[in-house]
Protein backbone atom coordinates (compact mmCIF):
# COMPACT_ATOMS: atom_id res chain seq x y z
CA MET A 1 64.24 4.88 28.25
CA ASN A 2 62.20 7.47 30.10
CA ASN A 3 58.59 7.01 31.32
CA GLU A 4 56.82 8.24 28.22
CA GLU A 5 58.37 5.51 26.30
CA ALA A 6 57.68 3.04 28.51
CA GLY A 7 54.12 4.22 28.96
CA THR A 8 53.80 4.09 25.16
CA GLU A 9 55.09 0.48 24.50
CA GLU A 10 52.86 -0.83 27.48
CA GLN A 11 49.77 0.67 25.99
CA SER A 12 50.67 -0.49 22.40
CA SER A 13 51.25 -4.02 23.46
CA LYS A 14 47.74 -4.00 25.24
CA ARG A 15 46.31 -3.03 21.84
CA ASN A 16 46.87 -6.25 19.82
CA ILE A 17 46.44 -5.38 16.20
CA TRP A 18 45.04 -8.97 15.29
CA ASN A 19 42.13 -8.08 17.23
CA LEU A 20 41.42 -5.16 15.10
CA VAL A 21 42.19 -7.06 11.73
CA LEU A 22 40.20 -10.12 12.75
CA GLY A 23 37.25 -8.36 14.20
CA LEU A 24 36.86 -6.25 10.85
CA VAL A 25 37.21 -9.43 8.87
CA PHE A 26 34.71 -11.40 10.89
CA LEU A 27 32.09 -8.31 10.92
CA GLY A 28 32.47 -7.87 7.37
CA TYR A 29 32.42 -11.59 6.25
CA GLY A 30 29.41 -12.27 8.84
CA SER A 31 27.48 -9.29 7.49
CA PHE A 32 27.92 -10.29 3.81
CA ARG A 33 26.85 -13.99 4.55
CA LEU A 34 23.80 -12.65 6.43
CA TYR A 35 22.94 -10.44 3.58
CA GLN A 36 23.20 -13.39 1.22
CA LYS A 37 21.17 -15.77 3.51
CA MET A 38 18.45 -12.90 3.79
CA GLU A 39 18.33 -12.25 0.14
CA SER A 40 17.98 -16.01 -0.73
CA SER A 41 14.41 -17.64 -0.96
CA ASP A 42 15.60 -20.77 1.04
CA SER A 43 15.82 -20.58 4.68
CA ASP A 44 19.05 -21.91 5.87
CA THR A 45 18.88 -21.53 9.74
CA PHE A 46 22.23 -22.91 10.32
CA GLY A 47 23.59 -20.44 7.90
CA ILE A 48 21.87 -17.60 9.44
CA ILE A 49 22.90 -18.47 12.87
CA LEU A 50 26.71 -19.10 11.68
CA ALA A 51 26.52 -15.51 10.13
CA ILE A 52 25.27 -13.97 13.13
CA ALA A 53 28.11 -15.82 15.33
CA PHE A 54 30.79 -14.11 13.17
CA ILE A 55 29.42 -10.94 13.43
CA ILE A 56 29.24 -11.24 17.48
CA PHE A 57 32.60 -12.23 17.26
CA GLY A 58 33.82 -9.46 15.19
CA ILE A 59 32.19 -6.93 17.39
CA TYR A 60 33.90 -8.76 20.55
CA ASP A 61 37.11 -8.51 18.86
CA LEU A 62 36.85 -4.72 18.05
CA TYR A 63 35.59 -4.25 21.61
CA LYS A 64 38.74 -5.99 22.97
CA TYR A 65 41.01 -3.75 20.59
CA PHE A 66 39.53 -0.54 21.71
CA THR A 67 39.24 -1.08 25.39
CA GLY A 68 42.84 -2.66 25.53
CA LYS A 69 41.82 -5.79 27.05
């Protein structure tokens, strides 16, 4: 194994594919739920907060994936 292969393996191990998948899932689900909560006539504060938390966690997972942390 030469240095290029070792560098590629090290870089790919830093980028966890689950961070990408979960980030996209949480971002999509949180956005969908927030849209639903905003369109409904009743005000469900806990649901809105939970949807925003999903969006933030999805953004954080995507940040971790793209920065390689």
